[in-house]
C-alpha atoms as a PDB file:
ATOM      1  CA  MET A   1      83.635 109.394  87.812  1.00  0.00           C
ATOM      2  CA  SER A   2      83.296 105.714  87.051  1.00  0.00           C
ATOM      3  CA  ARG A   3      84.798 102.777  88.873  1.00  0.00           C
ATOM      4  CA  VAL A   4      87.009 101.085  86.312  1.00  0.00           C
ATOM      5  CA  ILE A   5      88.587  97.618  86.426  1.00  0.00           C
ATOM      6  CA  VAL A   6      91.899  97.694  84.543  1.00  0.00           C
ATOM      7  CA  LYS A   7      93.814  94.633  83.430  1.00  0.00           C
ATOM      8  CA  LEU A   8      97.438  94.412  82.351  1.00  0.00           C
ATOM      9  CA  GLY A   9      97.726  92.892  78.898  1.00  0.00           C
ATOM     10  CA  GLY A  10     100.456  91.439  76.764  1.00  0.00           C
ATOM     11  CA  SER A  11     104.018  91.578  78.056  1.00  0.00           C
ATOM     12  CA  LEU A  12     102.990  93.948  80.883  1.00  0.00           C
ATOM     13  CA  GLN A  13     101.654  90.940  82.786  1.00  0.00           C
ATOM     14  CA  SER A  14     105.191  89.701  83.348  1.00  0.00           C
ATOM     15  CA  VAL A  15     106.726  93.154  83.931  1.00  0.00           C
ATOM     16  CA  GLY A  16     104.202  94.499  86.425  1.00  0.00           C
ATOM     17  CA  PRO A  17     103.359  93.364  89.918  1.00  0.00           C
ATOM     18  CA  ALA A  18     101.876  89.924  90.636  1.00  0.00           C
ATOM     19  CA  ASN A  19      98.355  91.349  90.484  1.00  0.00           C
ATOM     20  CA  VAL A  20      97.192  91.915  86.884  1.00  0.00           C
ATOM     21  CA  GLU A  21      93.784  93.457  87.660  1.00  0.00           C
ATOM     22  CA  PHE A  22      93.285  96.816  89.416  1.00  0.00           C
ATOM     23  CA  GLU A  23      90.353  99.016  90.351  1.00  0.00           C
ATOM     24  CA  VAL A  24      90.423 102.813  90.096  1.00  0.00           C
ATOM     25  CA  GLU A  25      87.945 105.688  89.720  1.00  0.00           C
ATOM     26  CA  ALA A  26      88.382 107.597  86.488  1.00  0.00           C
ATOM     27  CA  ALA A  27      86.367 109.449  83.866  1.00  0.00           C
ATOM     28  CA  ASN A  28      89.129 109.450  81.234  1.00  0.00           C
ATOM     29  CA  ILE A  29      92.530 107.920  80.447  1.00  0.00           C
ATOM     30  CA  HIS A  30      94.469 110.715  82.172  1.00  0.00           C
ATOM     31  CA  GLN A  31      92.598 110.180  85.435  1.00  0.00           C
ATOM     32  CA  LEU A  32      92.982 106.422  85.040  1.00  0.00           C
ATOM     33  CA  LEU A  33      96.764 106.582  84.737  1.00  0.00           C
ATOM     34  CA  GLN A  34      97.089 109.164  87.501  1.00  0.00           C
ATOM     35  CA  GLY A  35      94.862 107.134  89.820  1.00  0.00           C
ATOM     36  CA  LEU A  36      96.711 103.897  89.122  1.00  0.00           C
ATOM     37  CA  GLY A  37     100.073 105.534  89.851  1.00  0.00           C
ATOM     38  CA  LYS A  38      98.844 106.947  93.150  1.00  0.00           C
ATOM     39  CA  ARG A  39      96.900 103.940  94.364  1.00  0.00           C
ATOM     40  CA  TYR A  40      99.330 101.287  93.137  1.00  0.00           C
ATOM     41  CA  PRO A  41     102.908 102.673  93.374  1.00  0.00           C
ATOM     42  CA  GLU A  42     104.286  99.348  92.147  1.00  0.00           C
ATOM     43  CA  LEU A  43     102.841 100.217  88.703  1.00  0.00           C
ATOM     44  CA  ARG A  44     104.663 103.536  88.361  1.00  0.00           C
ATOM     45  CA  SER A  45     107.675 102.112  86.509  1.00  0.00           C
ATOM     46  CA  VAL A  46     105.346 100.500  83.942  1.00  0.00           C
ATOM     47  CA  LEU A  47     103.302 103.721  83.551  1.00  0.00           C
ATOM     48  CA  ASP A  48     106.452 105.865  83.248  1.00  0.00           C
ATOM     49  CA  GLN A  49     107.634 103.739  80.314  1.00  0.00           C
ATOM     50  CA  GLY A  50     104.397 104.601  78.507  1.00  0.00           C
ATOM     51  CA  VAL A  51     101.398 102.411  77.792  1.00  0.00           C
ATOM     52  CA  ALA A  52      98.604 102.145  75.290  1.00  0.00           C
ATOM     53  CA  VAL A  53      95.083 101.832  76.684  1.00  0.00           C
ATOM     54  CA  SER A  54      92.468  99.562  75.166  1.00  0.00           C
ATOM     55  CA  ILE A  55      88.851 100.505  75.948  1.00  0.00           C
ATOM     56  CA  ASP A  56      86.300  97.987  74.738  1.00  0.00           C
ATOM     57  CA  GLY A  57      88.743  96.736  72.071  1.00  0.00           C
ATOM     58  CA  GLN A  58      89.694 100.198  70.728  1.00  0.00           C
ATOM     59  CA  ILE A  59      93.367 101.079  71.345  1.00  0.00           C
ATOM     60  CA  TYR A  60      94.230 104.620  72.420  1.00  0.00           C
ATOM     61  CA  ASN A  61      97.872 105.657  72.271  1.00  0.00           C
ATOM     62  CA  GLY A  62      98.382 109.153  73.693  1.00  0.00           C
ATOM     63  CA  ALA A  63      94.659 110.087  73.841  1.00  0.00           C
ATOM     64  CA  ARG A  64      94.796 111.101  77.503  1.00  0.00           C
ATOM     65  CA  PHE A  65      91.349 112.699  77.649  1.00  0.00           C
ATOM     66  CA  GLN A  66      89.425 109.883  75.978  1.00  0.00           C
ATOM     67  CA  THR A  67      86.445 109.162  78.193  1.00  0.00           C
ATOM     68  CA  ILE A  68      85.877 105.784  79.850  1.00  0.00           C
ATOM     69  CA  ALA A  69      82.288 104.604  80.296  1.00  0.00           C
ATOM     70  CA  GLU A  70      81.076 102.746  83.365  1.00  0.00           C
ATOM     71  CA  GLY A  71      81.598  99.023  82.859  1.00  0.00           C
ATOM     72  CA  ALA A  72      84.055  99.407  79.988  1.00  0.00           C
ATOM     73  CA  GLU A  73      86.621  96.661  79.447  1.00  0.00           C
ATOM     74  CA  VAL A  74      90.017  98.359  79.948  1.00  0.00           C
ATOM     75  CA  PHE A  75      93.463  96.897  79.314  1.00  0.00           C
ATOM     76  CA  LEU A  76      96.908  98.496  79.624  1.00  0.00           C
ATOM     77  CA  LEU A  77      99.209  97.347  76.833  1.00  0.00           C
ATOM     78  CA  PRO A  78     102.830  98.045  75.891  1.00  0.00           C
ATOM     79  CA  ARG A  79     103.024 101.320  73.982  1.00  0.00           C
ATOM     80  CA  LEU A  80     102.497 100.811  70.278  1.00  0.00           C
ATOM     81  CA  VAL A  81     105.179 102.252  67.999  1.00  0.00           C
ATOM     82  CA  GLY A  82     105.881 102.130  64.315  1.00  0.00           C
ATOM     83  CA  GLY A  83     104.137 103.152  61.184  1.00  0.00           C
END
């Protein structure tokens, strides 16, 4: 597992807790979201609403088992909808 620094992006910065940068150990998006919810309970409401995850500029919406490399730039964004 990699240590991942996660930042809240977009409108999540104003919805989430005062801290907009979090550290968690995760090998993929599923582990990242689970770890964030356990380690930072104040983020659970944001995570329960659904989020998109940006890894090194590539947005993943629903790809829970996408791997996350050590040192990747990771942002949580409001879930993307539409067509």
